[in-house]
Amino acid sequence: MKAVAWWFNSILGGNDYARYVQHQRLHHPGCAIPTERDYWRERHAAADKNPANRCC
């Protein structure tokens, strides 16, 4: 059951912010990391500007 929950969370993007923070710390250590709220706000704004990347 735990594996199913992990898979479902991954599909919905639940791990995206954590991966983003890890990437920023590894590749851009001097840059400020936005809050999770700001990260999702920017991500949704980018998706709205470029709807070709969405399925619906």
N, C-alpha and C. Protein backbone atom coordinates (compact mmCIF):
# COMPACT_ATOMS: atom_id res chain seq x y z
N MET A 1 0.82 -1.20 0.00
CA MET A 1 0.00 0.00 0.00
C MET A 1 0.87 1.27 0.00
N LYS A 2 1.99 1.22 0.70
CA LYS A 2 2.89 2.37 0.76
C LYS A 2 3.46 2.69 -0.62
N ALA A 3 3.76 1.66 -1.38
CA ALA A 3 4.29 1.86 -2.73
C ALA A 3 3.25 2.51 -3.64
N VAL A 4 2.01 2.14 -3.48
CA VAL A 4 0.94 2.73 -4.29
C VAL A 4 0.77 4.20 -3.95
N ALA A 5 0.83 4.52 -2.66
CA ALA A 5 0.72 5.93 -2.24
C ALA A 5 1.88 6.75 -2.79
N TRP A 6 3.10 6.19 -2.74
CA TRP A 6 4.27 6.88 -3.29
C TRP A 6 4.10 7.12 -4.79
N TRP A 7 3.66 6.11 -5.51
CA TRP A 7 3.47 6.22 -6.96
C TRP A 7 2.42 7.29 -7.28
N PHE A 8 1.31 7.25 -6.59
CA PHE A 8 0.24 8.21 -6.83
C PHE A 8 0.71 9.63 -6.54
N ASN A 9 1.44 9.81 -5.45
CA ASN A 9 1.98 11.12 -5.09
C ASN A 9 2.96 11.61 -6.15
N SER A 10 3.77 10.71 -6.69
CA SER A 10 4.72 11.08 -7.74
C SER A 10 4.01 11.52 -9.01
N ILE A 11 2.95 10.83 -9.36
CA ILE A 11 2.17 11.17 -10.55
C ILE A 11 1.58 12.58 -10.42
N LEU A 12 1.12 12.93 -9.23
CA LEU A 12 0.50 14.23 -9.01
C LEU A 12 1.51 15.35 -8.77
N GLY A 13 2.79 15.01 -8.72
CA GLY A 13 3.81 16.04 -8.55
C GLY A 13 4.14 16.36 -7.11
N GLY A 14 3.76 15.49 -6.20
CA GLY A 14 3.99 15.74 -4.77
C GLY A 14 5.45 15.83 -4.39
N ASN A 15 6.34 15.23 -5.16
CA ASN A 15 7.76 15.25 -4.84
C ASN A 15 8.53 16.30 -5.63
N ASP A 16 7.84 17.06 -6.46
CA ASP A 16 8.51 18.01 -7.35
C ASP A 16 9.26 19.11 -6.61
N TYR A 17 8.65 19.66 -5.57
CA TYR A 17 9.31 20.75 -4.85
C TYR A 17 10.57 20.24 -4.16
N ALA A 18 10.51 19.08 -3.55
CA ALA A 18 11.68 18.51 -2.88
C ALA A 18 12.81 18.27 -3.88
N ARG A 19 12.48 17.76 -5.06
CA ARG A 19 13.49 17.56 -6.10
C ARG A 19 14.07 18.89 -6.57
N TYR A 20 13.21 19.89 -6.69
CA TYR A 20 13.65 21.22 -7.10
C TYR A 20 14.63 21.80 -6.08
N VAL A 21 14.30 21.71 -4.79
CA VAL A 21 15.18 22.22 -3.74
C VAL A 21 16.51 21.48 -3.76
N GLN A 22 16.46 20.18 -3.92
CA GLN A 22 17.69 19.40 -3.98
C GLN A 22 18.56 19.84 -5.17
N HIS A 23 17.94 20.04 -6.32
CA HIS A 23 18.66 20.50 -7.50
C HIS A 23 19.28 21.87 -7.27
N GLN A 24 18.50 22.79 -6.71
CA GLN A 24 19.00 24.14 -6.45
C GLN A 24 20.21 24.11 -5.53
N ARG A 25 20.12 23.34 -4.46
CA ARG A 25 21.23 23.27 -3.49
C ARG A 25 22.48 22.66 -4.11
N LEU A 26 22.30 21.69 -4.99
CA LEU A 26 23.43 21.01 -5.60
C LEU A 26 24.07 21.84 -6.72
N HIS A 27 23.24 22.41 -7.60
CA HIS A 27 23.75 23.08 -8.79
C HIS A 27 23.81 24.60 -8.69
N HIS A 28 23.08 25.19 -7.77
CA HIS A 28 23.03 26.65 -7.62
C HIS A 28 23.08 27.01 -6.13
N PRO A 29 24.16 26.67 -5.44
CA PRO A 29 24.20 26.83 -3.99
C PRO A 29 24.08 28.27 -3.50
N GLY A 30 24.39 29.25 -4.29
CA GLY A 30 24.31 30.63 -3.85
C GLY A 30 22.95 31.28 -4.08
N CYS A 31 22.08 30.62 -4.80
CA CYS A 31 20.78 31.21 -5.14
C CYS A 31 19.76 30.99 -4.03
N ALA A 32 18.88 31.96 -3.90
CA ALA A 32 17.79 31.83 -2.91
C ALA A 32 16.78 30.79 -3.40
N ILE A 33 16.25 30.02 -2.47
CA ILE A 33 15.26 29.00 -2.81
C ILE A 33 13.89 29.55 -2.44
N PRO A 34 12.97 29.59 -3.40
CA PRO A 34 11.64 30.12 -3.09
C PRO A 34 10.89 29.18 -2.14
N THR A 35 9.91 29.73 -1.47
CA THR A 35 9.07 28.90 -0.61
C THR A 35 8.29 27.92 -1.49
N GLU A 36 7.76 26.90 -0.86
CA GLU A 36 6.99 25.93 -1.63
C GLU A 36 5.78 26.60 -2.27
N ARG A 37 5.17 27.51 -1.58
CA ARG A 37 4.01 28.23 -2.13
C ARG A 37 4.39 29.02 -3.37
N ASP A 38 5.51 29.73 -3.30
CA ASP A 38 5.98 30.51 -4.46
C ASP A 38 6.37 29.59 -5.62
N TYR A 39 6.99 28.45 -5.28
CA TYR A 39 7.36 27.49 -6.32
C TYR A 39 6.13 27.05 -7.11
N TRP A 40 5.06 26.65 -6.40
CA TRP A 40 3.86 26.19 -7.09
C TRP A 40 3.17 27.32 -7.85
N ARG A 41 3.19 28.52 -7.28
CA ARG A 41 2.58 29.67 -7.96
C ARG A 41 3.29 29.92 -9.29
N GLU A 42 4.62 29.91 -9.27
CA GLU A 42 5.40 30.13 -10.50
C GLU A 42 5.20 28.98 -11.49
N ARG A 43 5.13 27.77 -10.97
CA ARG A 43 4.95 26.62 -11.86
C ARG A 43 3.59 26.65 -12.56
N HIS A 44 2.55 26.99 -11.81
CA HIS A 44 1.22 27.08 -12.43
C HIS A 44 1.12 28.25 -13.40
N ALA A 45 1.78 29.36 -13.07
CA ALA A 45 1.78 30.50 -14.00
C ALA A 45 2.48 30.13 -15.30
N ALA A 46 3.58 29.39 -15.20
CA ALA A 46 4.30 28.95 -16.41
C ALA A 46 3.43 28.01 -17.22
N ALA A 47 2.69 27.11 -16.57
CA ALA A 47 1.81 26.19 -17.28
C ALA A 47 0.67 26.93 -17.98
N ASP A 48 0.18 27.99 -17.34
CA ASP A 48 -0.88 28.78 -17.98
C ASP A 48 -0.37 29.53 -19.20
N LYS A 49 0.89 29.97 -19.15
CA LYS A 49 1.46 30.69 -20.30
C LYS A 49 1.80 29.76 -21.44
N ASN A 50 2.07 28.50 -21.14
CA ASN A 50 2.45 27.53 -22.17
C ASN A 50 1.60 26.27 -22.03
N PRO A 51 0.34 26.31 -22.47
CA PRO A 51 -0.56 25.18 -22.27
C PRO A 51 -0.22 23.96 -23.13
N ALA A 52 0.75 24.05 -24.02
CA ALA A 52 1.10 22.90 -24.87
C ALA A 52 1.66 21.74 -24.07
N ASN A 53 2.16 22.00 -22.86
CA ASN A 53 2.74 20.94 -22.05
C ASN A 53 1.71 20.18 -21.23
N ARG A 54 0.46 20.57 -21.28
CA ARG A 54 -0.59 19.90 -20.51
C ARG A 54 -1.34 18.92 -21.40
N CYS A 55 -1.93 17.95 -20.76
CA CYS A 55 -2.70 16.97 -21.52
C CYS A 55 -4.11 17.46 -21.79
N CYS A 56 -4.65 18.36 -20.96
CA CYS A 56 -6.06 18.78 -21.12
C CYS A 56 -6.19 20.28 -21.26
